[in-house]
């Protein structure tokens, strides 16, 4: 087998230590293997960098083990060509499962070009990714806290969520704060409604009668305080993210033209895939990396259902939220695609298909620097032969017992 990289290294990384294996060519032909164990502390990693430089290593491969690869990769990337390798693409030699054997196996795969590197974004995108992921976690925690408040009110017999769409809106929150302060009269609480909620005062007076006591007030006050604290941290993250995405605001604005994607969604998507689509040769490569397309499972000429590979869960979550908004956009291609697939294969698969379609559009937008062009709700109708569609529809109606006469509409 041809050797692609003459001086390659493989790293098997654990939490507290790593094993490095270096392949160097021998004068008389063949190659020699040098193995050594290092600490993952910064001093140990600096020693590793010196050892690799001493052997004139040009490419370093390491397995993506949890988050343990990050300090090693980030320290070595400025000095060596580092490849982060997918664990699914490598298989240990049977009967030789040790750290030393794993490191040698990784070095062999890198030297012979049998593996491909995983996508590791540049430093600015990595920082943006940390911020957007943190915002997503805090936003999810805020949602859970609001749900806990609703459960607490239900426990107290207060049916505020039946009348108010958002129990953390201006009117509903004022009523909850009054309950915490000790007010129990439903009529008095209902009079705290503002705006359009004042038309529901009679229903509010009934819904706010319950068994809300000092115990519920104590817990509700804690939930409100935590929600306010989360709001403050999310606002700080929003301001920080706005500063970090300033160099990429043009790409953010282009992504904002996609149905279902707003500024926050565009920031989250860009943080995961980066602005440079040269990392992904085609939209299919990006969809496969993200885990947004089904896997291939075909044998004997028969195709079977294939599960999607585990990809980037943060990107899939952002695409899922965008798909929910896209299918609700009137006269959009996404909505038509969802209805078309949901009728045959169910809503879940249709939702994933819309997410895949959005990701394909995102690749073209970032690769070409163009705005989104919606294909329209009638794309599938115009795509096929209209005569064939007409004959099929007539045949279905006739099988149901109808006589069909068609009259063309005016243009």
Protein backbone atom coordinates (compact mmCIF):
# COMPACT_ATOMS: atom_id res chain seq x y z
CA UNK A 1 0.00 0.00 0.00
CA UNK A 2 1.29 3.42 -0.96
CA UNK A 3 2.47 5.74 1.78
CA UNK A 4 0.92 9.20 1.47
CA UNK A 5 2.59 10.82 4.50
CA UNK A 6 6.15 9.75 5.27
CA UNK A 7 6.28 11.16 8.78
CA UNK A 8 2.90 10.74 10.46
CA UNK A 9 1.88 10.51 14.10
CA UNK A 10 -1.13 8.99 15.83
CA UNK A 11 -2.41 10.02 19.26
CA UNK A 12 -4.63 7.96 21.53
CA UNK A 13 -5.97 10.49 24.03
CA UNK A 14 -7.41 9.87 27.48
CA UNK A 15 -8.31 12.34 30.21
CA UNK A 16 -5.02 12.39 32.08
CA UNK A 17 -2.56 11.00 29.56
CA UNK A 18 -2.06 10.19 25.89
CA UNK A 19 0.01 7.76 23.88
CA UNK A 20 1.83 9.03 20.79
CA UNK A 21 3.14 6.88 17.97
CA UNK A 22 5.43 8.26 15.23
CA UNK A 23 6.22 6.57 11.91
CA UNK A 24 9.55 7.64 10.38
CA UNK A 25 11.19 6.20 7.25
CA UNK A 26 14.18 3.85 7.64
CA UNK A 27 17.33 4.42 5.60
CA UNK A 28 17.28 0.96 4.06
CA UNK A 29 13.55 1.01 3.34
CA UNK A 30 10.50 0.51 5.48
CA UNK A 31 9.81 2.57 8.55
CA UNK A 32 10.51 2.69 12.28
CA UNK A 33 7.90 3.20 14.99
CA UNK A 34 8.53 5.30 18.10
CA UNK A 35 5.98 5.27 20.93
CA UNK A 36 5.84 7.37 24.04
CA UNK A 37 3.36 8.32 26.74
CA UNK A 38 2.72 11.96 27.72
CA UNK A 39 0.66 13.82 30.29
CA UNK A 40 -2.27 15.92 29.06
CA UNK A 41 -1.26 18.80 31.29
CA UNK A 42 0.09 21.81 29.42
CA UNK A 43 3.68 20.95 30.33
CA UNK A 44 3.20 17.45 28.95
CA UNK A 45 1.64 18.75 25.76
CA UNK A 46 4.54 21.14 25.19
CA UNK A 47 6.88 18.20 25.65
CA UNK A 48 4.79 16.27 23.10
CA UNK A 49 5.09 19.13 20.58
CA UNK A 50 8.87 19.15 20.97
CA UNK A 51 9.04 15.36 20.56
CA UNK A 52 6.96 15.50 17.36
CA UNK A 53 9.08 18.33 15.98
CA UNK A 54 12.23 16.35 16.77
CA UNK A 55 10.95 13.53 14.53
CA UNK A 56 9.92 16.05 11.83
CA UNK A 57 6.30 14.95 11.86
CA UNK A 58 4.15 16.65 9.20
CA UNK A 59 0.68 15.32 10.04
CA UNK A 60 -0.84 14.35 13.40
CA UNK A 61 -4.02 12.29 13.64
CA UNK A 62 -6.08 11.96 16.80
CA UNK A 63 -9.40 10.35 17.64
CA UNK A 64 -12.31 12.58 18.66
CA UNK A 65 -12.66 11.21 22.18
CA UNK A 66 -15.20 13.26 24.19
CA UNK A 67 -13.68 16.72 24.75
CA UNK A 68 -10.23 15.41 25.66
CA UNK A 69 -8.91 16.10 22.15
CA UNK A 70 -9.52 19.86 22.33
CA UNK A 71 -6.51 20.99 24.44
CA UNK A 72 -4.22 18.71 22.42
CA UNK A 73 -5.56 19.87 19.04
CA UNK A 74 -5.59 23.56 19.94
CA UNK A 75 -2.00 23.48 21.19
CA UNK A 76 -0.61 21.57 18.19
CA UNK A 77 -2.64 23.10 15.33
CA UNK A 78 -0.33 26.11 14.90
CA UNK A 79 2.76 23.93 14.52
CA UNK A 80 1.50 20.79 12.74
CA UNK A 81 -1.20 19.72 10.34
CA UNK A 82 -3.69 18.20 12.77
CA UNK A 83 -6.46 15.83 11.72
CA UNK A 84 -9.38 15.11 13.99
CA UNK A 85 -10.63 11.63 13.08
CA UNK A 86 -14.10 10.20 13.47
CA UNK A 87 -14.06 7.18 15.77
CA UNK A 88 -16.56 5.41 13.49
CA UNK A 89 -14.07 5.54 10.62
CA UNK A 90 -11.46 3.60 12.56
CA UNK A 91 -11.55 0.07 13.85
CA UNK A 92 -8.96 -1.35 16.21
CA UNK A 93 -7.05 -4.45 15.11
CA UNK A 94 -8.78 -7.52 16.63
CA UNK A 95 -6.95 -8.90 19.62
CA UNK A 96 -4.65 -5.86 19.96
CA UNK A 97 -6.76 -3.44 22.02
CA UNK A 98 -4.24 -1.37 23.97
CA UNK A 99 -3.44 2.33 23.97
CA UNK A 100 -0.11 1.69 22.27
CA UNK A 101 -1.76 -0.42 19.55
CA UNK A 102 -4.46 2.19 19.01
CA UNK A 103 -1.88 4.96 18.57
CA UNK A 104 0.06 2.85 16.06
CA UNK A 105 -3.15 2.01 14.18
CA UNK A 106 -4.06 5.70 13.93
CA UNK A 107 -0.56 6.52 12.66
CA UNK A 108 -0.84 3.78 10.00
CA UNK A 109 -4.22 5.04 8.82
CA UNK A 110 -2.94 8.62 8.56
CA UNK A 111 0.26 7.60 6.80
CA UNK A 112 -1.60 5.63 4.12
CA UNK A 113 -4.38 8.20 3.63
CA UNK A 114 -7.16 5.84 4.74
CA UNK A 115 -9.03 8.39 6.86
CA UNK A 116 -10.43 11.87 6.35
CA UNK A 117 -10.21 14.74 8.81
CA UNK A 118 -13.30 15.99 10.61
CA UNK A 119 -14.33 19.62 10.33
CA UNK A 120 -12.80 21.80 13.06
CA UNK A 121 -13.79 25.46 12.66
CA UNK A 122 -11.30 28.31 13.04
CA UNK A 123 -10.86 30.11 16.36
CA UNK A 124 -13.42 32.93 15.80
CA UNK A 125 -16.13 30.43 14.85
CA UNK A 126 -15.23 28.21 17.80
CA UNK A 127 -15.74 31.15 20.15
CA UNK A 128 -19.03 32.01 18.49
CA UNK A 129 -20.07 28.37 18.79
CA UNK A 130 -19.39 28.40 22.54
CA UNK A 131 -21.57 31.49 22.94
CA UNK A 132 -24.51 30.27 20.85
CA UNK A 133 -24.50 26.86 22.53
CA UNK A 134 -24.46 28.51 25.92
CA UNK A 135 -27.41 30.69 24.89
CA UNK A 136 -29.31 27.63 23.70
CA UNK A 137 -28.75 25.90 27.05
CA UNK A 138 -29.90 28.91 29.04
CA UNK A 139 -32.92 29.43 26.80
CA UNK A 140 -33.93 25.80 27.29
CA UNK A 141 -33.49 26.13 31.05
CA UNK A 142 -35.66 29.27 31.05
CA UNK A 143 -38.38 27.35 29.20
CA UNK A 144 -38.21 24.57 31.79
CA UNK A 145 -38.54 27.09 34.60
CA UNK A 146 -41.64 28.57 32.97
CA UNK A 147 -43.11 25.09 32.67
CA UNK A 148 -42.40 24.52 36.36
CA UNK A 149 -44.33 27.68 37.15
CA UNK A 150 -47.33 26.39 35.22
CA UNK A 151 -47.18 23.08 37.07
CA UNK A 152 -46.96 24.95 40.38
CA UNK A 153 -50.06 27.01 39.54
CA UNK A 154 -51.90 23.83 38.57
CA UNK A 155 -50.95 22.32 41.91
CA UNK A 156 -52.49 25.37 43.59
CA UNK A 157 -55.65 25.13 41.48
CA UNK A 158 -54.90 28.38 39.64
CA UNK A 159 -55.88 27.89 35.98
CA UNK A 160 -54.18 31.01 34.64
CA UNK A 161 -52.77 29.20 31.59
CA UNK A 162 -56.30 28.45 30.33
CA UNK A 163 -57.07 32.15 29.87
CA UNK A 164 -53.60 33.64 29.28
CA UNK A 165 -51.55 32.33 26.36
CA UNK A 166 -48.30 33.31 28.07
CA UNK A 167 -48.24 33.13 31.85
CA UNK A 168 -45.07 35.24 31.77
CA UNK A 169 -46.68 38.04 29.79
CA UNK A 170 -47.08 41.49 31.32
CA UNK A 171 -50.59 40.93 32.68
CA UNK A 172 -50.13 37.31 33.81
CA UNK A 173 -46.82 38.05 35.53
CA UNK A 174 -48.35 41.00 37.40
CA UNK A 175 -51.08 38.68 38.69
CA UNK A 176 -48.55 36.05 39.79
CA UNK A 177 -46.55 38.69 41.66
CA UNK A 178 -49.77 39.83 43.37
CA UNK A 179 -50.48 36.22 44.38
CA UNK A 180 -46.98 35.99 45.86
CA UNK A 181 -47.58 39.26 47.73
CA UNK A 182 -50.67 37.76 49.39
CA UNK A 183 -53.63 38.86 47.24
CA UNK A 184 -56.25 36.10 46.90
CA UNK A 185 -59.34 37.92 45.61
CA UNK A 186 -59.96 36.84 42.02
CA UNK A 187 -61.76 40.07 41.09
CA UNK A 188 -58.89 42.21 42.37
CA UNK A 189 -56.35 40.06 40.54
CA UNK A 190 -58.36 40.17 37.30
CA UNK A 191 -58.37 43.98 37.39
CA UNK A 192 -54.57 43.86 37.01
CA UNK A 193 -55.04 42.79 33.39
CA UNK A 194 -53.73 45.15 30.72
CA UNK A 195 -54.50 45.67 27.05
CA UNK A 196 -56.47 42.94 25.34
CA UNK A 197 -56.43 40.81 28.50
CA UNK A 198 -58.95 43.18 30.09
CA UNK A 199 -61.64 41.68 27.86
CA UNK A 200 -61.08 38.37 29.71
CA UNK A 201 -61.46 39.73 33.25
CA UNK A 202 -64.50 37.59 34.03
CA UNK A 203 -62.70 34.41 33.01
CA UNK A 204 -59.56 35.53 34.82
CA UNK A 205 -61.46 36.07 38.06
CA UNK A 206 -62.64 32.45 37.93
CA UNK A 207 -59.29 31.03 36.85
CA UNK A 208 -57.36 32.80 39.63
CA UNK A 209 -59.42 31.26 42.42
CA UNK A 210 -57.56 28.34 43.93
CA UNK A 211 -55.57 27.09 46.91
CA UNK A 212 -52.53 29.30 46.43
CA UNK A 213 -50.84 29.53 49.85
CA UNK A 214 -47.56 30.58 51.42
CA UNK A 215 -45.83 27.38 50.27
CA UNK A 216 -46.72 28.06 46.64
CA UNK A 217 -45.71 31.71 47.01
CA UNK A 218 -42.25 30.70 48.25
CA UNK A 219 -41.62 28.41 45.28
CA UNK A 220 -43.14 30.83 42.75
CA UNK A 221 -40.89 33.65 43.97
CA UNK A 222 -37.83 31.45 43.48
CA UNK A 223 -38.93 30.55 39.94
CA UNK A 224 -39.50 34.20 39.04
CA UNK A 225 -36.09 35.16 40.39
CA UNK A 226 -34.41 32.39 38.41
CA UNK A 227 -36.23 33.37 35.22
CA UNK A 228 -35.12 36.99 35.68
CA UNK A 229 -31.55 35.84 36.27
CA UNK A 230 -31.65 33.71 33.12
CA UNK A 231 -33.08 36.65 31.16
CA UNK A 232 -30.14 38.78 32.29
CA UNK A 233 -27.55 36.19 31.25
CA UNK A 234 -29.24 35.59 27.88
CA UNK A 235 -29.23 39.35 27.23
CA UNK A 236 -25.50 39.46 28.02
CA UNK A 237 -24.88 36.57 25.64
CA UNK A 238 -26.92 38.29 22.92
CA UNK A 239 -24.75 41.39 23.23
CA UNK A 240 -21.56 39.32 23.16
CA UNK A 241 -22.73 37.31 20.16
CA UNK A 242 -23.62 40.49 18.29
CA UNK A 243 -20.01 41.62 18.69
CA UNK A 244 -18.58 38.26 17.59
CA UNK A 245 -20.75 37.97 14.45
CA UNK A 246 -20.00 41.50 13.23
CA UNK A 247 -17.47 40.24 10.60
CA UNK A 248 -20.08 37.75 9.36
CA UNK A 249 -23.14 40.01 9.42
CA UNK A 250 -23.48 39.81 5.63
CA UNK A 251 -23.82 36.02 5.79
CA UNK A 252 -26.22 36.32 8.75
CA UNK A 253 -28.45 38.68 6.75
CA UNK A 254 -28.47 36.25 3.81
CA UNK A 255 -29.48 33.35 6.05
CA UNK A 256 -32.20 35.55 7.54
CA UNK A 257 -33.94 35.48 4.15
CA UNK A 258 -34.69 31.75 4.53
CA UNK A 259 -38.25 31.07 5.80
CA UNK A 260 -38.17 30.02 9.47
CA UNK A 261 -34.70 31.44 10.19
CA UNK A 262 -34.34 34.66 12.18
CA UNK A 263 -31.21 36.47 13.32
CA UNK A 264 -30.68 34.21 16.35
CA UNK A 265 -31.21 31.08 14.28
CA UNK A 266 -28.83 32.32 11.60
CA UNK A 267 -26.18 33.00 14.26
CA UNK A 268 -26.55 29.49 15.68
CA UNK A 269 -26.34 27.85 12.25
CA UNK A 270 -23.31 29.90 11.18
CA UNK A 271 -21.57 29.07 14.47
CA UNK A 272 -21.89 25.35 13.72
CA UNK A 273 -20.96 25.19 10.01
CA UNK A 274 -18.92 28.38 9.58
CA UNK A 275 -19.13 30.80 6.64
CA UNK A 276 -16.72 28.89 4.36
CA UNK A 277 -18.47 26.11 2.43
CA UNK A 278 -15.23 24.84 0.88
CA UNK A 279 -15.11 22.47 3.86
CA UNK A 280 -18.14 20.71 2.38
CA UNK A 281 -17.77 20.02 -1.38
CA UNK A 282 -21.52 19.54 -1.93
CA UNK A 283 -24.78 20.09 -0.02
CA UNK A 284 -24.89 16.33 0.46
CA UNK A 285 -21.60 16.38 2.35
CA UNK A 286 -22.94 19.06 4.68
CA UNK A 287 -26.22 17.19 5.25
CA UNK A 288 -24.33 13.97 5.97
CA UNK A 289 -21.98 15.72 8.42
CA UNK A 290 -24.95 17.31 10.19
CA UNK A 291 -26.86 14.03 10.41
CA UNK A 292 -29.79 15.65 8.58
CA UNK A 293 -30.24 12.96 5.92
CA UNK A 294 -31.08 9.23 6.10
CA UNK A 295 -28.33 6.68 5.85
CA UNK A 296 -27.90 4.20 3.00
CA UNK A 297 -29.05 0.64 3.68
CA UNK A 298 -29.20 -1.25 0.41
CA UNK A 299 -28.34 -4.89 -0.15
CA UNK A 300 -29.23 -7.27 -2.95
CA UNK A 301 -30.75 -4.41 -4.90
CA UNK A 302 -33.33 -3.84 -2.15
CA UNK A 303 -33.40 -0.52 -0.29
CA UNK A 304 -34.31 -0.65 3.39
CA UNK A 305 -34.95 2.14 5.89
CA UNK A 306 -31.68 3.73 6.94
CA UNK A 307 -31.21 5.66 10.15
CA UNK A 308 -29.59 9.06 10.09
CA UNK A 309 -26.04 9.08 11.42
CA UNK A 310 -25.42 10.88 14.70
CA UNK A 311 -24.28 14.29 13.54
CA UNK A 312 -24.13 17.75 15.05
CA UNK A 313 -27.01 17.85 17.54
CA UNK A 314 -26.78 21.63 17.96
CA UNK A 315 -27.17 22.19 14.23
CA UNK A 316 -30.01 19.68 14.02
CA UNK A 317 -31.81 21.50 16.84
CA UNK A 318 -31.46 24.86 15.07
CA UNK A 319 -32.67 23.33 11.80
CA UNK A 320 -35.62 21.74 13.58
CA UNK A 321 -36.75 25.09 14.96
CA UNK A 322 -36.30 26.67 11.53
CA UNK A 323 -38.30 23.88 9.87
CA UNK A 324 -41.22 24.43 12.26
CA UNK A 325 -41.38 28.06 11.20
CA UNK A 326 -40.83 27.32 7.51
CA UNK A 327 -43.78 24.91 7.19
CA UNK A 328 -46.07 27.61 8.62
CA UNK A 329 -45.03 30.15 5.98
CA UNK A 330 -47.83 30.65 3.50
CA UNK A 331 -47.34 29.64 -0.14
CA UNK A 332 -43.83 28.36 0.58
CA UNK A 333 -41.96 25.40 -0.85
CA UNK A 334 -41.24 24.13 2.66
CA UNK A 335 -44.94 24.01 3.54
CA UNK A 336 -45.80 22.20 0.31
CA UNK A 337 -42.94 19.73 0.83
CA UNK A 338 -44.09 19.03 4.38
CA UNK A 339 -47.70 18.33 3.35
CA UNK A 340 -46.58 16.22 0.41
CA UNK A 341 -44.37 13.91 2.51
CA UNK A 342 -46.52 13.93 5.67
CA UNK A 343 -49.46 12.48 3.71
CA UNK A 344 -47.38 9.43 2.79
CA UNK A 345 -44.78 8.99 5.52
CA UNK A 346 -45.93 10.95 8.55
CA UNK A 347 -45.15 14.29 10.14
CA UNK A 348 -41.81 13.38 11.74
CA UNK A 349 -40.17 12.30 8.50
CA UNK A 350 -41.71 15.25 6.70
CA UNK A 351 -40.23 17.59 9.31
CA UNK A 352 -36.78 16.06 8.83
CA UNK A 353 -37.14 16.38 5.06
CA UNK A 354 -37.89 20.08 5.41
CA UNK A 355 -34.82 20.51 7.66
CA UNK A 356 -32.71 18.75 5.02
CA UNK A 357 -34.13 21.05 2.34
CA UNK A 358 -33.31 24.13 4.42
CA UNK A 359 -29.74 22.93 4.96
CA UNK A 360 -29.32 22.43 1.22
CA UNK A 361 -30.54 25.98 0.64
CA UNK A 362 -28.16 27.27 3.34
CA UNK A 363 -25.19 25.65 1.57
CA UNK A 364 -26.07 27.35 -1.73
CA UNK A 365 -26.64 30.70 0.01
CA UNK A 366 -23.27 30.68 1.77
CA UNK A 367 -21.37 29.17 -1.17
CA UNK A 368 -22.77 31.62 -3.71
CA UNK A 369 -23.39 34.65 -1.50
CA UNK A 370 -26.99 34.96 -2.75
CA UNK A 371 -30.34 35.49 -1.07
CA UNK A 372 -32.82 32.68 -0.66
CA UNK A 373 -35.18 32.10 -3.58
CA UNK A 374 -38.30 30.19 -2.60
CA UNK A 375 -39.47 27.69 -5.21
CA UNK A 376 -43.11 28.28 -4.29
CA UNK A 377 -45.95 26.09 -3.09
CA UNK A 378 -46.81 24.99 -6.65
CA UNK A 379 -43.31 23.75 -7.43
CA UNK A 380 -44.23 20.06 -7.37
CA UNK A 381 -47.38 20.66 -9.42
CA UNK A 382 -45.52 22.47 -12.18
CA UNK A 383 -42.62 20.07 -12.04
CA UNK A 384 -44.64 17.10 -13.26
CA UNK A 385 -46.74 16.61 -16.39
CA UNK A 386 -50.02 18.51 -15.81
CA UNK A 387 -51.92 16.19 -18.17
CA UNK A 388 -50.87 13.17 -16.15
CA UNK A 389 -51.89 14.85 -12.89
CA UNK A 390 -55.28 15.76 -14.39
CA UNK A 391 -55.95 12.23 -15.61
CA UNK A 392 -54.97 10.78 -12.24
CA UNK A 393 -57.27 13.15 -10.34
CA UNK A 394 -60.20 12.39 -12.68
CA UNK A 395 -59.64 8.64 -12.32
CA UNK A 396 -59.67 8.92 -8.51
CA UNK A 397 -62.94 10.88 -8.53
CA UNK A 398 -64.55 8.43 -10.95
CA UNK A 399 -63.60 5.51 -8.71
CA UNK A 400 -65.45 7.34 -5.91
CA UNK A 401 -68.58 7.46 -8.08
CA UNK A 402 -68.43 10.95 -9.54
CA UNK A 403 -68.86 12.11 -13.12
CA UNK A 404 -66.24 14.77 -13.85
CA UNK A 405 -66.55 17.63 -16.32
CA UNK A 406 -63.63 20.04 -16.39
CA UNK A 407 -63.92 23.71 -17.27
CA UNK A 408 -60.65 25.65 -17.54
CA UNK A 409 -60.47 28.83 -15.47
CA UNK A 410 -59.65 32.14 -17.05
CA UNK A 411 -55.97 33.06 -17.02
